[in-house]
């Protein structure tokens, strides 16, 4: 029987259980160098293989990260669950909210929090699924910069708080591989509500729509297009606002360089083979954050390139090294897995 998802037949037929573990060394502008261990356990699912990953790391900036993302596909393909569990002690940089701050404005603060993300979906059609998501961050700000904006108490969430939300999710997925897709479409839309009924200290609503398209061309090259829109209303805490920067959203900007209640973002990447297990990538995009629907958009561009090393050939899992450029900033990223 053929899978109802595009080009997933190989994953259905693969009944093996596999584990791959490696020492972890990485670098980002937000963590500097970090080291630890990482691994991934994969096992049969449909239409793609189920997986449980882990990352345990300590960074040069005295950050501690315990991260366990997971993806589960039921044997008959009717159910799917994914999300993450984690515990973090992280030194963050705060660059303000919106577009009015000077480029050199920056505060640092340390947050300690556990994280829970659970999404459960049921098949609705040939490639569509619908369900519900629960999100939780018990966010404690352990250290702030004296005299800074966060210390003033005027920023929503500047004293931390319990963030707990729930809402519906709709998904369309026709990818041929979850780790390194060559063709297909991934579309995720969700609405999240946070208020006293969900156990949250905050009251706001957030809507998000993300679309990623994969197309193989000229036999072995892959074009990837990614677009994201996110809108929120109410008293959104600053640490839950949509933001630009980091390893996934416009590489070249520090994590959270620009944040506000609303975000629009588009980016593209071309991936191509080089030699043996090495691949190359060129990428670029632009994004904008804004606080009101009528606000003039200021688009922040990025561009760059990178190398990939395929350390697990059967599942197409890569070590990723990228160098990105933004507007007045740049950064090097060494991590596992693709940006989108």
Protein backbone atom coordinates (compact mmCIF):
# COMPACT_ATOMS: atom_id res chain seq x y z
CA UNK A 1 0.00 0.00 0.00
CA UNK A 2 1.33 3.44 -0.87
CA UNK A 3 1.54 6.11 1.79
CA UNK A 4 -0.93 8.97 1.50
CA UNK A 5 1.95 11.37 2.15
CA UNK A 6 4.33 12.32 -0.61
CA UNK A 7 7.35 10.04 -1.08
CA UNK A 8 7.17 8.58 2.42
CA UNK A 9 7.12 4.93 1.38
CA UNK A 10 10.72 4.31 2.38
CA UNK A 11 10.02 5.56 5.92
CA UNK A 12 7.00 3.25 6.21
CA UNK A 13 9.03 0.22 5.15
CA UNK A 14 11.96 0.99 7.46
CA UNK A 15 11.17 -1.02 10.61
CA UNK A 16 14.55 -0.54 12.32
CA UNK A 17 15.16 1.20 15.63
CA UNK A 18 18.29 3.35 15.55
CA UNK A 19 20.22 5.46 18.05
CA UNK A 20 22.95 7.93 17.21
CA UNK A 21 24.86 9.81 19.92
CA UNK A 22 27.73 12.28 19.62
CA UNK A 23 29.73 14.68 21.77
CA UNK A 24 28.29 18.13 21.16
CA UNK A 25 30.34 21.19 20.28
CA UNK A 26 28.61 24.29 18.93
CA UNK A 27 28.89 28.03 18.58
CA UNK A 28 26.38 30.89 18.21
CA UNK A 29 26.78 34.63 18.85
CA UNK A 30 24.37 34.27 21.79
CA UNK A 31 26.08 31.35 23.56
CA UNK A 32 29.68 31.59 22.30
CA UNK A 33 31.23 28.11 22.47
CA UNK A 34 29.24 25.32 24.06
CA UNK A 35 29.90 21.64 24.72
CA UNK A 36 27.95 18.63 25.90
CA UNK A 37 26.27 15.59 24.38
CA UNK A 38 23.47 15.02 21.91
CA UNK A 39 21.68 12.02 20.54
CA UNK A 40 18.63 10.88 18.62
CA UNK A 41 16.55 7.71 18.83
CA UNK A 42 14.37 6.96 15.80
CA UNK A 43 11.85 4.19 15.32
CA UNK A 44 9.06 3.24 12.88
CA UNK A 45 6.18 5.61 12.29
CA UNK A 46 3.97 6.68 9.42
CA UNK A 47 4.36 8.61 7.19
CA UNK A 48 7.74 9.63 8.66
CA UNK A 49 9.94 8.05 11.32
CA UNK A 50 9.26 8.88 14.97
CA UNK A 51 12.14 10.36 16.95
CA UNK A 52 13.22 11.45 20.40
CA UNK A 53 16.27 13.70 20.64
CA UNK A 54 18.26 15.09 23.52
CA UNK A 55 20.82 17.82 23.96
CA UNK A 56 22.69 18.56 27.18
CA UNK A 57 25.10 21.47 27.03
CA UNK A 58 27.00 24.09 28.98
CA UNK A 59 28.25 27.23 27.26
CA UNK A 60 31.09 29.69 27.56
CA UNK A 61 28.56 32.24 28.90
CA UNK A 62 27.65 29.91 31.81
CA UNK A 63 24.36 28.86 30.24
CA UNK A 64 22.92 25.40 30.89
CA UNK A 65 20.56 23.78 28.39
CA UNK A 66 18.65 20.51 28.62
CA UNK A 67 16.49 20.06 25.53
CA UNK A 68 14.39 17.03 24.51
CA UNK A 69 12.41 17.54 21.30
CA UNK A 70 10.25 14.66 20.07
CA UNK A 71 8.11 13.61 17.11
CA UNK A 72 5.74 10.65 17.24
CA UNK A 73 3.79 9.16 14.32
CA UNK A 74 1.29 6.39 14.96
CA UNK A 75 1.79 3.10 13.03
CA UNK A 76 -1.28 3.72 10.83
CA UNK A 77 -0.65 7.42 10.35
CA UNK A 78 -3.85 8.60 12.04
CA UNK A 79 -2.19 10.36 14.97
CA UNK A 80 0.83 12.59 15.46
CA UNK A 81 2.42 14.29 18.46
CA UNK A 82 5.43 16.59 18.67
CA UNK A 83 6.94 19.21 20.92
CA UNK A 84 9.74 19.57 23.43
CA UNK A 85 10.62 19.31 27.09
CA UNK A 86 13.44 21.39 28.47
CA UNK A 87 15.13 23.14 31.35
CA UNK A 88 17.24 26.24 30.78
CA UNK A 89 19.49 28.63 32.61
CA UNK A 90 20.21 31.17 29.92
CA UNK A 91 21.94 34.53 29.67
CA UNK A 92 19.81 36.59 27.28
CA UNK A 93 20.34 39.87 25.53
CA UNK A 94 17.46 42.35 25.48
CA UNK A 95 17.48 44.91 22.66
CA UNK A 96 14.16 46.62 23.36
CA UNK A 97 10.69 46.25 21.84
CA UNK A 98 9.93 47.62 18.38
CA UNK A 99 12.09 49.67 16.02
CA UNK A 100 12.74 52.87 17.96
CA UNK A 101 15.88 51.82 19.86
CA UNK A 102 19.43 52.77 18.94
CA UNK A 103 21.35 49.94 17.33
CA UNK A 104 23.81 49.77 20.25
CA UNK A 105 21.09 49.51 22.93
CA UNK A 106 21.47 46.26 24.87
CA UNK A 107 20.75 44.85 28.31
CA UNK A 108 21.61 41.41 29.63
CA UNK A 109 19.56 39.27 31.98
CA UNK A 110 19.54 35.66 33.17
CA UNK A 111 16.38 33.55 33.01
CA UNK A 112 15.81 30.13 34.59
CA UNK A 113 12.80 28.13 33.45
CA UNK A 114 11.39 24.72 32.59
CA UNK A 115 9.58 24.44 29.24
CA UNK A 116 6.80 22.16 27.99
CA UNK A 117 5.48 22.05 24.42
CA UNK A 118 2.91 19.38 23.49
CA UNK A 119 0.99 19.23 20.20
CA UNK A 120 -1.42 16.37 19.54
CA UNK A 121 -2.99 15.94 16.09
CA UNK A 122 -5.41 13.61 14.31
CA UNK A 123 -5.59 13.03 10.56
CA UNK A 124 -8.32 15.06 8.84
CA UNK A 125 -7.60 14.43 5.17
CA UNK A 126 -5.01 13.10 2.78
CA UNK A 127 -2.26 15.34 4.12
CA UNK A 128 -4.01 17.42 6.77
CA UNK A 129 -4.16 17.07 10.54
CA UNK A 130 -5.88 19.02 13.28
CA UNK A 131 -5.57 19.07 17.03
CA UNK A 132 -4.51 21.04 20.06
CA UNK A 133 -1.33 22.49 21.57
CA UNK A 134 -0.31 23.23 25.15
CA UNK A 135 2.65 25.48 25.97
CA UNK A 136 4.23 26.33 29.33
CA UNK A 137 7.21 28.38 30.48
CA UNK A 138 7.68 28.97 34.22
CA UNK A 139 9.89 31.98 33.56
CA UNK A 140 12.02 33.29 36.44
CA UNK A 141 14.36 36.20 35.82
CA UNK A 142 17.25 35.59 38.19
CA UNK A 143 19.45 38.56 37.27
CA UNK A 144 18.81 41.93 35.61
CA UNK A 145 20.96 44.85 34.65
CA UNK A 146 20.66 47.52 37.37
CA UNK A 147 19.06 50.72 36.12
CA UNK A 148 17.96 49.07 32.88
CA UNK A 149 14.60 49.05 31.17
CA UNK A 150 13.72 45.60 32.49
CA UNK A 151 14.51 46.70 36.04
CA UNK A 152 11.97 49.55 35.77
CA UNK A 153 9.06 47.09 35.84
CA UNK A 154 7.31 48.87 32.94
CA UNK A 155 7.84 46.06 30.42
CA UNK A 156 5.22 43.25 30.46
CA UNK A 157 6.90 40.11 31.80
CA UNK A 158 9.98 41.94 33.12
CA UNK A 159 9.46 40.29 36.50
CA UNK A 160 9.04 36.87 34.92
CA UNK A 161 5.88 34.86 35.39
CA UNK A 162 4.05 31.65 34.61
CA UNK A 163 3.14 31.46 30.92
CA UNK A 164 0.60 28.73 30.12
CA UNK A 165 -1.47 28.60 26.94
CA UNK A 166 -3.63 26.30 24.88
CA UNK A 167 -5.23 26.45 21.44
CA UNK A 168 -6.09 24.71 18.15
CA UNK A 169 -3.51 23.66 15.55
CA UNK A 170 -3.96 22.86 11.84
CA UNK A 171 -1.19 21.17 9.89
CA UNK A 172 -0.51 20.22 6.26
CA UNK A 173 2.58 18.06 5.72
CA UNK A 174 3.81 16.38 2.53
CA UNK A 175 7.58 16.32 3.24
CA UNK A 176 9.57 13.27 2.20
CA UNK A 177 11.95 13.48 5.21
CA UNK A 178 11.67 15.41 8.48
CA UNK A 179 15.41 15.98 8.91
CA UNK A 180 16.45 17.06 5.38
CA UNK A 181 13.41 17.35 3.09
CA UNK A 182 13.96 17.42 -0.67
CA UNK A 183 10.38 18.07 -1.69
CA UNK A 184 7.03 18.73 -0.16
CA UNK A 185 5.18 21.33 1.87
CA UNK A 186 4.93 21.98 5.59
CA UNK A 187 2.26 24.39 6.79
CA UNK A 188 1.41 24.98 10.45
CA UNK A 189 -1.23 27.35 11.78
CA UNK A 190 -2.22 27.80 15.42
CA UNK A 191 -4.01 30.12 17.82
CA UNK A 192 -2.92 30.25 21.44
CA UNK A 193 -4.91 31.67 24.34
CA UNK A 194 -3.37 32.61 27.69
CA UNK A 195 -5.46 33.77 30.65
CA UNK A 196 -6.50 32.71 34.16
CA UNK A 197 -8.48 29.78 32.76
CA UNK A 198 -5.29 28.32 31.22
CA UNK A 199 -3.34 28.94 34.44
CA UNK A 200 -1.30 31.83 33.05
CA UNK A 201 -0.19 35.00 34.81
CA UNK A 202 -0.79 36.83 31.51
CA UNK A 203 -3.78 37.54 29.31
CA UNK A 204 -3.17 37.59 25.56
CA UNK A 205 -3.89 35.78 22.29
CA UNK A 206 -1.38 34.85 19.60
CA UNK A 207 -1.92 33.66 16.02
CA UNK A 208 0.86 32.13 13.92
CA UNK A 209 1.07 30.80 10.36
CA UNK A 210 4.30 29.26 8.99
CA UNK A 211 4.75 27.79 5.51
CA UNK A 212 7.87 26.01 4.22
CA UNK A 213 8.13 24.72 0.64
CA UNK A 214 10.81 22.29 -0.58
CA UNK A 215 11.61 21.73 -4.26
CA UNK A 216 14.38 19.60 -5.76
CA UNK A 217 15.73 20.87 -9.09
CA UNK A 218 18.61 20.08 -11.45
CA UNK A 219 18.69 16.52 -10.03
CA UNK A 220 20.44 17.23 -6.72
CA UNK A 221 19.84 20.84 -5.68
CA UNK A 222 17.12 21.89 -3.25
CA UNK A 223 15.30 25.21 -3.03
CA UNK A 224 13.59 25.98 0.30
CA UNK A 225 11.18 28.88 0.83
CA UNK A 226 9.98 29.80 4.31
CA UNK A 227 7.41 32.42 5.38
CA UNK A 228 6.16 33.23 8.87
CA UNK A 229 3.51 35.60 10.18
CA UNK A 230 2.71 36.03 13.86
CA UNK A 231 0.25 38.39 15.52
CA UNK A 232 -0.61 38.87 19.19
CA UNK A 233 -3.06 40.97 21.17
CA UNK A 234 -3.40 41.77 24.84
CA UNK A 235 -0.65 41.89 27.47
CA UNK A 236 1.99 39.83 25.71
CA UNK A 237 5.08 39.33 27.93
CA UNK A 238 8.24 40.45 26.19
CA UNK A 239 9.78 36.95 26.33
CA UNK A 240 6.84 35.52 24.34
CA UNK A 241 6.77 38.18 21.62
CA UNK A 242 7.66 37.16 18.05
CA UNK A 243 11.28 38.00 17.33
CA UNK A 244 14.01 38.12 14.69
CA UNK A 245 17.46 36.59 15.14
CA UNK A 246 19.18 33.41 16.21
CA UNK A 247 19.89 30.14 14.42
CA UNK A 248 16.58 29.95 12.51
CA UNK A 249 15.04 33.38 11.89
CA UNK A 250 17.33 35.59 9.81
CA UNK A 251 20.78 34.31 10.67
CA UNK A 252 23.16 37.23 11.15
CA UNK A 253 21.17 38.94 13.90
CA UNK A 254 21.53 38.07 17.60
CA UNK A 255 18.66 36.11 19.10
CA UNK A 256 15.83 38.56 19.88
CA UNK A 257 17.50 41.52 18.17
CA UNK A 258 14.07 42.77 17.08
CA UNK A 259 10.82 41.86 18.81
CA UNK A 260 7.29 43.21 19.03
CA UNK A 261 3.68 42.05 19.08
CA UNK A 262 3.62 41.25 15.36
CA UNK A 263 6.11 39.77 12.89
CA UNK A 264 6.34 39.12 9.14
CA UNK A 265 9.28 37.16 7.74
CA UNK A 266 10.34 35.54 4.45
CA UNK A 267 13.57 33.62 3.79
CA UNK A 268 14.98 31.27 1.18
CA UNK A 269 17.84 28.78 1.02
CA UNK A 270 19.49 26.83 -1.78
CA UNK A 271 21.17 23.56 -0.72
CA UNK A 272 23.56 21.67 -3.00
CA UNK A 273 26.09 18.82 -2.79
CA UNK A 274 29.83 19.49 -2.79
CA UNK A 275 31.98 16.40 -2.22
CA UNK A 276 31.56 13.18 -0.23
CA UNK A 277 29.24 13.98 2.71
CA UNK A 278 29.66 17.73 2.44
CA UNK A 279 26.94 20.07 1.16
CA UNK A 280 26.76 23.81 0.69
CA UNK A 281 24.00 26.37 1.27
CA UNK A 282 23.26 29.96 0.31
CA UNK A 283 20.49 31.84 2.07
CA UNK A 284 18.82 35.22 2.36
CA UNK A 285 15.64 36.86 3.53
CA UNK A 286 13.99 39.79 5.25
CA UNK A 287 11.72 40.32 8.24
CA UNK A 288 9.90 43.05 10.12
CA UNK A 289 8.40 43.47 13.59
CA UNK A 290 5.75 46.04 14.44
CA UNK A 291 3.40 46.94 17.26
CA UNK A 292 0.27 48.24 15.52
CA UNK A 293 -1.36 47.19 12.21
CA UNK A 294 -0.95 50.69 10.76
CA UNK A 295 2.74 51.03 11.58
CA UNK A 296 5.14 51.47 8.68
CA UNK A 297 7.13 48.29 8.17
CA UNK A 298 10.91 48.38 8.44
CA UNK A 299 12.35 45.33 6.75
CA UNK A 300 15.57 43.84 8.12
CA UNK A 301 17.54 41.92 5.47
CA UNK A 302 19.93 39.00 5.89
CA UNK A 303 22.13 36.85 3.68
CA UNK A 304 24.92 34.33 4.01
CA UNK A 305 26.17 30.85 3.31
CA UNK A 306 27.28 27.68 4.99
CA UNK A 307 28.45 24.08 4.94
CA UNK A 308 26.66 20.86 5.89
CA UNK A 309 28.23 17.56 6.94
CA UNK A 310 25.95 14.51 6.77
CA UNK A 311 26.96 12.47 9.82
CA UNK A 312 23.93 10.13 9.58
CA UNK A 313 23.49 9.16 5.92
CA UNK A 314 20.50 6.86 6.40
CA UNK A 315 18.38 9.58 7.99
CA UNK A 316 20.01 12.63 6.36
CA UNK A 317 20.97 14.37 9.63
CA UNK A 318 23.53 17.12 9.21
CA UNK A 319 25.98 19.20 11.20
CA UNK A 320 25.34 22.79 10.08
CA UNK A 321 27.91 25.61 9.94
CA UNK A 322 26.58 28.98 8.73
CA UNK A 323 27.80 32.54 8.60
CA UNK A 324 25.05 35.13 8.29
CA UNK A 325 25.04 38.88 7.73
CA UNK A 326 22.36 41.28 8.89
CA UNK A 327 21.93 45.03 8.93
CA UNK A 328 24.98 46.11 10.93
CA UNK A 329 25.61 42.69 12.46
CA UNK A 330 26.85 39.21 11.57
CA UNK A 331 27.28 35.85 13.23
CA UNK A 332 28.65 32.33 12.97
CA UNK A 333 26.43 29.34 13.80
CA UNK A 334 27.53 25.76 14.36
CA UNK A 335 24.69 23.41 15.27
CA UNK A 336 22.78 20.26 14.26
CA UNK A 337 19.80 20.24 11.91
CA UNK A 338 18.46 22.67 9.35
CA UNK A 339 17.19 26.20 10.05
CA UNK A 340 13.85 25.41 8.36
